[in-house]
Amino acid sequence: MKRQIAFSTRAFGPGSRCQGVTDHIRKELKEIEAAPHDLEEWIDVASLALDGAWRAGYSAEEVAAGLGAKLVKNEGRDWPDWRTVDPTKAIEHNRQSEES
């Protein structure tokens, strides 16, 4: 992560660049749709997401901790049976179980 931050700062400059990063993510998502088995395209999106997180003001350690915390949160959520969901649609957690 620290290496990514150093590279990104050298290559793209400092600052938030939120619009530029999200624009780039949208372009990469189109590339994934065109080539869904291309690992490099998936890595591009992951790298851009990490880039956006540090540019939003988070340290490498905070981003790593955030990834772990989000996994714990998702593991604790109620999810529908994936076999019953349209494979072309997002599978989202059951929000009703969180409201009760």
PDB file of N, CA and C in Angstrom:
ATOM      1  N   MET A   1       0.828  -1.182   0.000  1.00  0.00           N
ATOM      2  CA  MET A   1       0.000   0.000   0.000  1.00  0.00           C
ATOM      3  C   MET A   1       0.880   1.257   0.000  1.00  0.00           C
ATOM      4  N   LYS A   2       1.921   1.254   0.825  1.00  0.00           N
ATOM      5  CA  LYS A   2       2.803   2.421   0.859  1.00  0.00           C
ATOM      6  C   LYS A   2       3.517   2.607  -0.482  1.00  0.00           C
ATOM      7  N   ARG A   3       3.873   1.513  -1.119  1.00  0.00           N
ATOM      8  CA  ARG A   3       4.504   1.572  -2.437  1.00  0.00           C
ATOM      9  C   ARG A   3       3.527   2.124  -3.470  1.00  0.00           C
ATOM     10  N   GLN A   4       2.263   1.700  -3.393  1.00  0.00           N
ATOM     11  CA  GLN A   4       1.217   2.199  -4.288  1.00  0.00           C
ATOM     12  C   GLN A   4       1.034   3.705  -4.112  1.00  0.00           C
ATOM     13  N   ILE A   5       1.021   4.161  -2.849  1.00  0.00           N
ATOM     14  CA  ILE A   5       0.870   5.585  -2.563  1.00  0.00           C
ATOM     15  C   ILE A   5       2.028   6.378  -3.172  1.00  0.00           C
ATOM     16  N   ALA A   6       3.252   5.880  -2.996  1.00  0.00           N
ATOM     17  CA  ALA A   6       4.431   6.575  -3.538  1.00  0.00           C
ATOM     18  C   ALA A   6       4.361   6.641  -5.064  1.00  0.00           C
ATOM     19  N   PHE A   7       4.021   5.523  -5.698  1.00  0.00           N
ATOM     20  CA  PHE A   7       3.903   5.502  -7.159  1.00  0.00           C
ATOM     21  C   PHE A   7       2.829   6.477  -7.630  1.00  0.00           C
ATOM     22  N   SER A   8       1.659   6.397  -7.012  1.00  0.00           N
ATOM     23  CA  SER A   8       0.522   7.202  -7.432  1.00  0.00           C
ATOM     24  C   SER A   8       0.810   8.701  -7.285  1.00  0.00           C
ATOM     25  N   THR A   9       1.471   9.069  -6.211  1.00  0.00           N
ATOM     26  CA  THR A   9       1.813  10.474  -6.001  1.00  0.00           C
ATOM     27  C   THR A   9       2.765  10.960  -7.088  1.00  0.00           C
ATOM     28  N   ARG A  10       3.764  10.122  -7.413  1.00  0.00           N
ATOM     29  CA  ARG A  10       4.721  10.484  -8.472  1.00  0.00           C
ATOM     30  C   ARG A  10       4.023  10.575  -9.829  1.00  0.00           C
ATOM     31  N   ALA A  11       3.176   9.601 -10.122  1.00  0.00           N
ATOM     32  CA  ALA A  11       2.575   9.512 -11.457  1.00  0.00           C
ATOM     33  C   ALA A  11       1.397  10.462 -11.658  1.00  0.00           C
ATOM     34  N   PHE A  12       0.587  10.659 -10.626  1.00  0.00           N
ATOM     35  CA  PHE A  12      -0.664  11.401 -10.791  1.00  0.00           C
ATOM     36  C   PHE A  12      -0.776  12.648  -9.927  1.00  0.00           C
ATOM     37  N   GLY A  13       0.236  12.888  -9.097  1.00  0.00           N
ATOM     38  CA  GLY A  13       0.252  14.075  -8.263  1.00  0.00           C
ATOM     39  C   GLY A  13      -0.508  13.878  -6.961  1.00  0.00           C
ATOM     40  N   PRO A  14      -0.427  14.886  -6.100  1.00  0.00           N
ATOM     41  CA  PRO A  14      -1.093  14.806  -4.796  1.00  0.00           C
ATOM     42  C   PRO A  14      -2.564  15.220  -4.907  1.00  0.00           C
ATOM     43  N   GLY A  15      -3.252  15.140  -3.792  1.00  0.00           N
ATOM     44  CA  GLY A  15      -4.611  15.650  -3.718  1.00  0.00           C
ATOM     45  C   GLY A  15      -5.670  14.582  -3.885  1.00  0.00           C
ATOM     46  N   SER A  16      -6.902  14.998  -3.695  1.00  0.00           N
ATOM     47  CA  SER A  16      -8.040  14.080  -3.697  1.00  0.00           C
ATOM     48  C   SER A  16      -8.235  13.367  -5.037  1.00  0.00           C
ATOM     49  N   ARG A  17      -8.322  14.120  -6.102  1.00  0.00           N
ATOM     50  CA  ARG A  17      -8.534  13.583  -7.450  1.00  0.00           C
ATOM     51  C   ARG A  17      -9.739  12.631  -7.511  1.00  0.00           C
ATOM     52  N   CYS A  18     -10.721  12.842  -6.648  1.00  0.00           N
ATOM     53  CA  CYS A  18     -11.874  11.935  -6.562  1.00  0.00           C
ATOM     54  C   CYS A  18     -12.560  11.749  -7.916  1.00  0.00           C
ATOM     55  N   GLN A  19     -12.821  12.826  -8.615  1.00  0.00           N
ATOM     56  CA  GLN A  19     -13.500  12.711  -9.907  1.00  0.00           C
ATOM     57  C   GLN A  19     -12.653  11.952 -10.921  1.00  0.00           C
ATOM     58  N   GLY A  20     -11.347  12.205 -10.927  1.00  0.00           N
ATOM     59  CA  GLY A  20     -10.472  11.491 -11.847  1.00  0.00           C
ATOM     60  C   GLY A  20     -10.383  10.015 -11.528  1.00  0.00           C
ATOM     61  N   VAL A  21     -10.297   9.689 -10.243  1.00  0.00           N
ATOM     62  CA  VAL A  21     -10.204   8.280  -9.835  1.00  0.00           C
ATOM     63  C   VAL A  21     -11.506   7.544 -10.165  1.00  0.00           C
ATOM     64  N   THR A  22     -12.645   8.156  -9.845  1.00  0.00           N
ATOM     65  CA  THR A  22     -13.915   7.468 -10.125  1.00  0.00           C
ATOM     66  C   THR A  22     -14.177   7.364 -11.627  1.00  0.00           C
ATOM     67  N   ASP A  23     -13.748   8.369 -12.388  1.00  0.00           N
ATOM     68  CA  ASP A  23     -13.865   8.283 -13.844  1.00  0.00           C
ATOM     69  C   ASP A  23     -13.049   7.106 -14.372  1.00  0.00           C
ATOM     70  N   HIS A  24     -11.846   6.951 -13.833  1.00  0.00           N
ATOM     71  CA  HIS A  24     -10.982   5.849 -14.260  1.00  0.00           C
ATOM     72  C   HIS A  24     -11.592   4.499 -13.870  1.00  0.00           C
ATOM     73  N   ILE A  25     -12.174   4.417 -12.676  1.00  0.00           N
ATOM     74  CA  ILE A  25     -12.828   3.171 -12.251  1.00  0.00           C
ATOM     75  C   ILE A  25     -13.956   2.809 -13.224  1.00  0.00           C
ATOM     76  N   ARG A  26     -14.774   3.789 -13.608  1.00  0.00           N
ATOM     77  CA  ARG A  26     -15.863   3.505 -14.565  1.00  0.00           C
ATOM     78  C   ARG A  26     -15.314   2.952 -15.876  1.00  0.00           C
ATOM     79  N   LYS A  27     -14.212   3.510 -16.363  1.00  0.00           N
ATOM     80  CA  LYS A  27     -13.599   3.011 -17.599  1.00  0.00           C
ATOM     81  C   LYS A  27     -13.099   1.584 -17.422  1.00  0.00           C
ATOM     82  N   GLU A  28     -12.481   1.311 -16.271  1.00  0.00           N
ATOM     83  CA  GLU A  28     -11.981  -0.046 -16.014  1.00  0.00           C
ATOM     84  C   GLU A  28     -13.126  -1.050 -15.898  1.00  0.00           C
ATOM     85  N   LEU A  29     -14.254  -0.633 -15.324  1.00  0.00           N
ATOM     86  CA  LEU A  29     -15.408  -1.537 -15.216  1.00  0.00           C
ATOM     87  C   LEU A  29     -15.914  -1.945 -16.601  1.00  0.00           C
ATOM     88  N   LYS A  30     -15.883  -1.024 -17.539  1.00  0.00           N
ATOM     89  CA  LYS A  30     -16.263  -1.364 -18.920  1.00  0.00           C
ATOM     90  C   LYS A  30     -15.292  -2.380 -19.509  1.00  0.00           C
ATOM     91  N   GLU A  31     -14.023  -2.236 -19.182  1.00  0.00           N
ATOM     92  CA  GLU A  31     -13.029  -3.191 -19.672  1.00  0.00           C
ATOM     93  C   GLU A  31     -13.255  -4.575 -19.057  1.00  0.00           C
ATOM     94  N   ILE A  32     -13.658  -4.613 -17.797  1.00  0.00           N
ATOM     95  CA  ILE A  32     -13.974  -5.898 -17.154  1.00  0.00           C
ATOM     96  C   ILE A  32     -15.179  -6.541 -17.826  1.00  0.00           C
ATOM     97  N   GLU A  33     -16.200  -5.739 -18.112  1.00  0.00           N
ATOM     98  CA  GLU A  33     -17.381  -6.290 -18.788  1.00  0.00           C
ATOM     99  C   GLU A  33     -17.015  -6.884 -20.142  1.00  0.00           C
ATOM    100  N   ALA A  34     -16.055  -6.274 -20.828  1.00  0.00           N
ATOM    101  CA  ALA A  34     -15.621  -6.769 -22.128  1.00  0.00           C
ATOM    102  C   ALA A  34     -14.709  -7.996 -22.006  1.00  0.00           C
ATOM    103  N   ALA A  35     -13.993  -8.105 -20.889  1.00  0.00           N
ATOM    104  CA  ALA A  35     -13.044  -9.211 -20.693  1.00  0.00           C
ATOM    105  C   ALA A  35     -13.092  -9.658 -19.231  1.00  0.00           C
ATOM    106  N   PRO A  36     -14.177 -10.329 -18.815  1.00  0.00           N
ATOM    107  CA  PRO A  36     -14.377 -10.641 -17.400  1.00  0.00           C
ATOM    108  C   PRO A  36     -13.356 -11.590 -16.779  1.00  0.00           C
ATOM    109  N   HIS A  37     -12.561 -12.245 -17.581  1.00  0.00           N
ATOM    110  CA  HIS A  37     -11.572 -13.184 -17.037  1.00  0.00           C
ATOM    111  C   HIS A  37     -10.155 -12.614 -17.057  1.00  0.00           C
ATOM    112  N   ASP A  38     -10.048 -11.322 -17.329  1.00  0.00           N
ATOM    113  CA  ASP A  38      -8.740 -10.664 -17.377  1.00  0.00           C
ATOM    114  C   ASP A  38      -8.390 -10.161 -15.973  1.00  0.00           C
ATOM    115  N   LEU A  39      -7.511 -10.869 -15.299  1.00  0.00           N
ATOM    116  CA  LEU A  39      -7.126 -10.528 -13.930  1.00  0.00           C
ATOM    117  C   LEU A  39      -6.594  -9.105 -13.824  1.00  0.00           C
ATOM    118  N   GLU A  40      -5.835  -8.676 -14.797  1.00  0.00           N
ATOM    119  CA  GLU A  40      -5.234  -7.347 -14.732  1.00  0.00           C
ATOM    120  C   GLU A  40      -6.302  -6.254 -14.646  1.00  0.00           C
ATOM    121  N   GLU A  41      -7.428  -6.435 -15.325  1.00  0.00           N
ATOM    122  CA  GLU A  41      -8.504  -5.438 -15.255  1.00  0.00           C
ATOM    123  C   GLU A  41      -9.114  -5.388 -13.858  1.00  0.00           C
ATOM    124  N   TRP A  42      -9.276  -6.541 -13.223  1.00  0.00           N
ATOM    125  CA  TRP A  42      -9.782  -6.571 -11.837  1.00  0.00           C
ATOM    126  C   TRP A  42      -8.801  -5.891 -10.891  1.00  0.00           C
ATOM    127  N   ILE A  43      -7.521  -6.127 -11.112  1.00  0.00           N
ATOM    128  CA  ILE A  43      -6.489  -5.510 -10.278  1.00  0.00           C
ATOM    129  C   ILE A  43      -6.481  -4.001 -10.478  1.00  0.00           C
ATOM    130  N   ASP A  44      -6.726  -3.544 -11.709  1.00  0.00           N
ATOM    131  CA  ASP A  44      -6.800  -2.108 -11.953  1.00  0.00           C
ATOM    132  C   ASP A  44      -7.868  -1.464 -11.076  1.00  0.00           C
ATOM    133  N   VAL A  45      -9.041  -2.090 -10.984  1.00  0.00           N
ATOM    134  CA  VAL A  45     -10.127  -1.537 -10.162  1.00  0.00           C
ATOM    135  C   VAL A  45      -9.733  -1.543  -8.681  1.00  0.00           C
ATOM    136  N   ALA A  46      -9.139  -2.637  -8.221  1.00  0.00           N
ATOM    137  CA  ALA A  46      -8.720  -2.711  -6.815  1.00  0.00           C
ATOM    138  C   ALA A  46      -7.670  -1.642  -6.510  1.00  0.00           C
ATOM    139  N   SER A  47      -6.708  -1.467  -7.389  1.00  0.00           N
ATOM    140  CA  SER A  47      -5.662  -0.462  -7.192  1.00  0.00           C
ATOM    141  C   SER A  47      -6.249   0.945  -7.160  1.00  0.00           C
ATOM    142  N   LEU A  48      -7.188   1.208  -8.054  1.00  0.00           N
ATOM    143  CA  LEU A  48      -7.819   2.524  -8.084  1.00  0.00           C
ATOM    144  C   LEU A  48      -8.640   2.778  -6.823  1.00  0.00           C
ATOM    145  N   ALA A  49      -9.319   1.742  -6.319  1.00  0.00           N
ATOM    146  CA  ALA A  49     -10.092   1.899  -5.075  1.00  0.00           C
ATOM    147  C   ALA A  49      -9.169   2.223  -3.911  1.00  0.00           C
ATOM    148  N   LEU A  50      -8.043   1.537  -3.822  1.00  0.00           N
ATOM    149  CA  LEU A  50      -7.073   1.821  -2.767  1.00  0.00           C
ATOM    150  C   LEU A  50      -6.496   3.225  -2.935  1.00  0.00           C
ATOM    151  N   ASP A  51      -6.251   3.623  -4.181  1.00  0.00           N
ATOM    152  CA  ASP A  51      -5.747   4.958  -4.459  1.00  0.00           C
ATOM    153  C   ASP A  51      -6.751   6.006  -3.982  1.00  0.00           C
ATOM    154  N   GLY A  52      -8.015   5.787  -4.273  1.00  0.00           N
ATOM    155  CA  GLY A  52      -9.045   6.720  -3.832  1.00  0.00           C
ATOM    156  C   GLY A  52      -9.126   6.820  -2.321  1.00  0.00           C
ATOM    157  N   ALA A  53      -8.935   5.694  -1.636  1.00  0.00           N
ATOM    158  CA  ALA A  53      -9.022   5.694  -0.170  1.00  0.00           C
ATOM    159  C   ALA A  53      -7.908   6.529   0.447  1.00  0.00           C
ATOM    160  N   TRP A  54      -6.677   6.371  -0.005  1.00  0.00           N
ATOM    161  CA  TRP A  54      -5.612   7.177   0.609  1.00  0.00           C
ATOM    162  C   TRP A  54      -5.736   8.637   0.207  1.00  0.00           C
ATOM    163  N   ARG A  55      -6.237   8.881  -1.001  1.00  0.00           N
ATOM    164  CA  ARG A  55      -6.415  10.260  -1.440  1.00  0.00           C
ATOM    165  C   ARG A  55      -7.551  10.944  -0.657  1.00  0.00           C
ATOM    166  N   ALA A  56      -8.437  10.152  -0.067  1.00  0.00           N
ATOM    167  CA  ALA A  56      -9.506  10.694   0.779  1.00  0.00           C
ATOM    168  C   ALA A  56      -8.993  11.006   2.182  1.00  0.00           C
ATOM    169  N   GLY A  57      -7.708  10.711   2.427  1.00  0.00           N
ATOM    170  CA  GLY A  57      -7.099  11.095   3.693  1.00  0.00           C
ATOM    171  C   GLY A  57      -6.761   9.961   4.633  1.00  0.00           C
ATOM    172  N   TYR A  58      -6.897   8.722   4.171  1.00  0.00           N
ATOM    173  CA  TYR A  58      -6.624   7.578   5.049  1.00  0.00           C
ATOM    174  C   TYR A  58      -5.212   7.049   4.836  1.00  0.00           C
ATOM    175  N   SER A  59      -4.580   6.636   5.940  1.00  0.00           N
ATOM    176  CA  SER A  59      -3.231   6.063   5.865  1.00  0.00           C
ATOM    177  C   SER A  59      -3.312   4.630   5.354  1.00  0.00           C
ATOM    178  N   ALA A  60      -2.157   4.101   4.972  1.00  0.00           N
ATOM    179  CA  ALA A  60      -2.095   2.708   4.528  1.00  0.00           C
ATOM    180  C   ALA A  60      -2.634   1.779   5.614  1.00  0.00           C
ATOM    181  N   GLU A  61      -2.291   2.076   6.854  1.00  0.00           N
ATOM    182  CA  GLU A  61      -2.743   1.243   7.978  1.00  0.00           C
ATOM    183  C   GLU A  61      -4.259   1.344   8.166  1.00  0.00           C
ATOM    184  N   GLU A  62      -4.799   2.536   7.999  1.00  0.00           N
ATOM    185  CA  GLU A  62      -6.251   2.713   8.134  1.00  0.00           C
ATOM    186  C   GLU A  62      -7.008   1.990   7.014  1.00  0.00           C
ATOM    187  N   VAL A  63      -6.470   2.023   5.806  1.00  0.00           N
ATOM    188  CA  VAL A  63      -7.103   1.323   4.685  1.00  0.00           C
ATOM    189  C   VAL A  63      -7.094  -0.180   4.947  1.00  0.00           C
ATOM    190  N   ALA A  64      -5.954  -0.718   5.383  1.00  0.00           N
ATOM    191  CA  ALA A  64      -5.870  -2.153   5.691  1.00  0.00           C
ATOM    192  C   ALA A  64      -6.849  -2.531   6.799  1.00  0.00           C
ATOM    193  N   ALA A  65      -6.910  -1.720   7.837  1.00  0.00           N
ATOM    194  CA  ALA A  65      -7.849  -1.989   8.936  1.00  0.00           C
ATOM    195  C   ALA A  65      -9.292  -1.897   8.442  1.00  0.00           C
ATOM    196  N   GLY A  66      -9.561  -0.945   7.565  1.00  0.00           N
ATOM    197  CA  GLY A  66     -10.902  -0.798   7.004  1.00  0.00           C
ATOM    198  C   GLY A  66     -11.329  -1.997   6.190  1.00  0.00           C
ATOM    199  N   LEU A  67     -10.392  -2.564   5.433  1.00  0.00           N
ATOM    200  CA  LEU A  67     -10.695  -3.783   4.667  1.00  0.00           C
ATOM    201  C   LEU A  67     -11.081  -4.928   5.602  1.00  0.00           C
ATOM    202  N   GLY A  68     -10.314  -5.102   6.667  1.00  0.00           N
ATOM    203  CA  GLY A  68     -10.613  -6.161   7.634  1.00  0.00           C
ATOM    204  C   GLY A  68     -11.932  -5.930   8.343  1.00  0.00           C
ATOM    205  N   ALA A  69     -12.197  -4.688   8.742  1.00  0.00           N
ATOM    206  CA  ALA A  69     -13.443  -4.370   9.442  1.00  0.00           C
ATOM    207  C   ALA A  69     -14.658  -4.594   8.548  1.00  0.00           C
ATOM    208  N   LYS A  70     -14.533  -4.254   7.278  1.00  0.00           N
ATOM    209  CA  LYS A  70     -15.659  -4.448   6.349  1.00  0.00           C
ATOM    210  C   LYS A  70     -15.947  -5.935   6.146  1.00  0.00           C
ATOM    211  N   LEU A  71     -14.894  -6.743   6.088  1.00  0.00           N
ATOM    212  CA  LEU A  71     -15.100  -8.184   5.954  1.00  0.00           C
ATOM    213  C   LEU A  71     -15.838  -8.727   7.170  1.00  0.00           C
ATOM    214  N   VAL A  72     -15.428  -8.319   8.357  1.00  0.00           N
ATOM    215  CA  VAL A  72     -16.101  -8.759   9.586  1.00  0.00           C
ATOM    216  C   VAL A  72     -17.576  -8.348   9.544  1.00  0.00           C
ATOM    217  N   LYS A  73     -17.843  -7.114   9.133  1.00  0.00           N
ATOM    218  CA  LYS A  73     -19.222  -6.621   9.046  1.00  0.00           C
ATOM    219  C   LYS A  73     -20.037  -7.457   8.058  1.00  0.00           C
ATOM    220  N   ASN A  74     -19.466  -7.726   6.878  1.00  0.00           N
ATOM    221  CA  ASN A  74     -20.173  -8.519   5.874  1.00  0.00           C
ATOM    222  C   ASN A  74     -20.404  -9.955   6.341  1.00  0.00           C
ATOM    223  N   GLU A  75     -19.445 -10.504   7.049  1.00  0.00           N
ATOM    224  CA  GLU A  75     -19.610 -11.869   7.567  1.00  0.00           C
ATOM    225  C   GLU A  75     -20.763 -11.954   8.556  1.00  0.00           C
ATOM    226  N   GLY A  76     -21.052 -10.871   9.251  1.00  0.00           N
ATOM    227  CA  GLY A  76     -22.118 -10.857  10.237  1.00  0.00           C
ATOM    228  C   GLY A  76     -23.491 -10.526   9.669  1.00  0.00           C
ATOM    229  N   ARG A  77     -23.566 -10.205   8.420  1.00  0.00           N
ATOM    230  CA  ARG A  77     -24.835  -9.834   7.794  1.00  0.00           C
ATOM    231  C   ARG A  77     -25.604 -11.059   7.313  1.00  0.00           C
ATOM    232  N   ASP A  78     -26.898 -10.847   7.130  1.00  0.00           N
ATOM    233  CA  ASP A  78     -27.783 -11.875   6.576  1.00  0.00           C
ATOM    234  C   ASP A  78     -27.815 -11.706   5.058  1.00  0.00           C
ATOM    235  N   TRP A  79     -27.452 -12.768   4.347  1.00  0.00           N
ATOM    236  CA  TRP A  79     -27.399 -12.729   2.884  1.00  0.00           C
ATOM    237  C   TRP A  79     -28.415 -13.703   2.304  1.00  0.00           C
ATOM    238  N   PRO A  80     -29.018 -13.374   1.158  1.00  0.00           N
ATOM    239  CA  PRO A  80     -29.934 -14.327   0.521  1.00  0.00           C
ATOM    240  C   PRO A  80     -29.151 -15.511  -0.034  1.00  0.00           C
ATOM    241  N   ASP A  81     -29.850 -16.594  -0.259  1.00  0.00           N
ATOM    242  CA  ASP A  81     -29.232 -17.771  -0.879  1.00  0.00           C
ATOM    243  C   ASP A  81     -28.840 -17.396  -2.308  1.00  0.00           C
ATOM    244  N   TRP A  82     -27.579 -17.440  -2.622  1.00  0.00           N
ATOM    245  CA  TRP A  82     -27.075 -17.029  -3.927  1.00  0.00           C
ATOM    246  C   TRP A  82     -27.721 -17.797  -5.070  1.00  0.00           C
ATOM    247  N   ARG A  83     -28.201 -19.016  -4.784  1.00  0.00           N
ATOM    248  CA  ARG A  83     -28.824 -19.838  -5.834  1.00  0.00           C
ATOM    249  C   ARG A  83     -30.183 -19.297  -6.261  1.00  0.00           C
ATOM    250  N   THR A  84     -30.760 -18.390  -5.464  1.00  0.00           N
ATOM    251  CA  THR A  84     -32.091 -17.849  -5.769  1.00  0.00           C
ATOM    252  C   THR A  84     -32.026 -16.467  -6.404  1.00  0.00           C
ATOM    253  N   VAL A  85     -30.827 -15.949  -6.625  1.00  0.00           N
ATOM    254  CA  VAL A  85     -30.661 -14.593  -7.135  1.00  0.00           C
ATOM    255  C   VAL A  85     -30.260 -14.632  -8.607  1.00  0.00           C
ATOM    256  N   ASP A  86     -30.818 -13.710  -9.373  1.00  0.00           N
ATOM    257  CA  ASP A  86     -30.462 -13.562 -10.782  1.00  0.00           C
ATOM    258  C   ASP A  86     -28.948 -13.348 -10.879  1.00  0.00           C
ATOM    259  N   PRO A  87     -28.228 -14.210 -11.603  1.00  0.00           N
ATOM    260  CA  PRO A  87     -26.766 -14.089 -11.664  1.00  0.00           C
ATOM    261  C   PRO A  87     -26.269 -12.816 -12.355  1.00  0.00           C
ATOM    262  N   THR A  88     -27.166 -12.075 -12.998  1.00  0.00           N
ATOM    263  CA  THR A  88     -26.752 -10.824 -13.639  1.00  0.00           C
ATOM    264  C   THR A  88     -27.018  -9.612 -12.746  1.00  0.00           C
ATOM    265  N   LYS A  89     -27.508  -9.859 -11.538  1.00  0.00           N
ATOM    266  CA  LYS A  89     -27.825  -8.767 -10.604  1.00  0.00           C
ATOM    267  C   LYS A  89     -26.953  -8.865  -9.358  1.00  0.00           C
ATOM    268  N   ALA A  90     -26.766  -7.736  -8.699  1.00  0.00           N
ATOM    269  CA  ALA A  90     -25.987  -7.699  -7.458  1.00  0.00           C
ATOM    270  C   ALA A  90     -26.697  -8.488  -6.365  1.00  0.00           C
ATOM    271  N   ILE A  91     -25.937  -9.183  -5.551  1.00  0.00           N
ATOM    272  CA  ILE A  91     -26.484  -9.847  -4.365  1.00  0.00           C
ATOM    273  C   ILE A  91     -26.226  -8.900  -3.195  1.00  0.00           C
ATOM    274  N   GLU A  92     -27.300  -8.413  -2.590  1.00  0.00           N
ATOM    275  CA  GLU A  92     -27.181  -7.481  -1.480  1.00  0.00           C
ATOM    276  C   GLU A  92     -27.678  -8.125  -0.201  1.00  0.00           C
ATOM    277  N   HIS A  93     -27.131  -7.665   0.918  1.00  0.00           N
ATOM    278  CA  HIS A  93     -27.545  -8.220   2.210  1.00  0.00           C
ATOM    279  C   HIS A  93     -28.987  -7.814   2.517  1.00  0.00           C
ATOM    280  N   ASN A  94     -29.603  -8.560   3.419  1.00  0.00           N
ATOM    281  CA  ASN A  94     -30.980  -8.320   3.828  1.00  0.00           C
ATOM    282  C   ASN A  94     -31.000  -7.147   4.804  1.00  0.00           C
ATOM    283  N   ARG A  95     -31.443  -6.017   4.345  1.00  0.00           N
ATOM    284  CA  ARG A  95     -31.472  -4.813   5.186  1.00  0.00           C
ATOM    285  C   ARG A  95     -32.571  -4.877   6.239  1.00  0.00           C
ATOM    286  N   GLN A  96     -33.633  -5.633   5.973  1.00  0.00           N
ATOM    287  CA  GLN A  96     -34.725  -5.748   6.935  1.00  0.00           C
ATOM    288  C   GLN A  96     -34.239  -6.388   8.237  1.00  0.00           C
ATOM    289  N   SER A  97     -33.324  -7.344   8.153  1.00  0.00           N
ATOM    290  CA  SER A  97     -32.833  -8.001   9.371  1.00  0.00           C
ATOM    291  C   SER A  97     -31.995  -7.045  10.215  1.00  0.00           C
ATOM    292  N   GLU A  98     -31.400  -6.014   9.596  1.00  0.00           N
ATOM    293  CA  GLU A  98     -30.610  -5.031  10.329  1.00  0.00           C
ATOM    294  C   GLU A  98     -31.494  -3.990  10.995  1.00  0.00           C
ATOM    295  N   GLU A  99     -32.691  -3.770  10.445  1.00  0.00           N
ATOM    296  CA  GLU A  99     -33.599  -2.756  10.991  1.00  0.00           C
ATOM    297  C   GLU A  99     -34.329  -3.251  12.233  1.00  0.00           C
ATOM    298  N   SER A 100     -34.491  -4.570  12.359  1.00  0.00           N
ATOM    299  CA  SER A 100     -35.261  -5.100  13.489  1.00  0.00           C
ATOM    300  C   SER A 100     -34.442  -5.235  14.744  1.00  0.00           C
TER     301      SER A 100
END
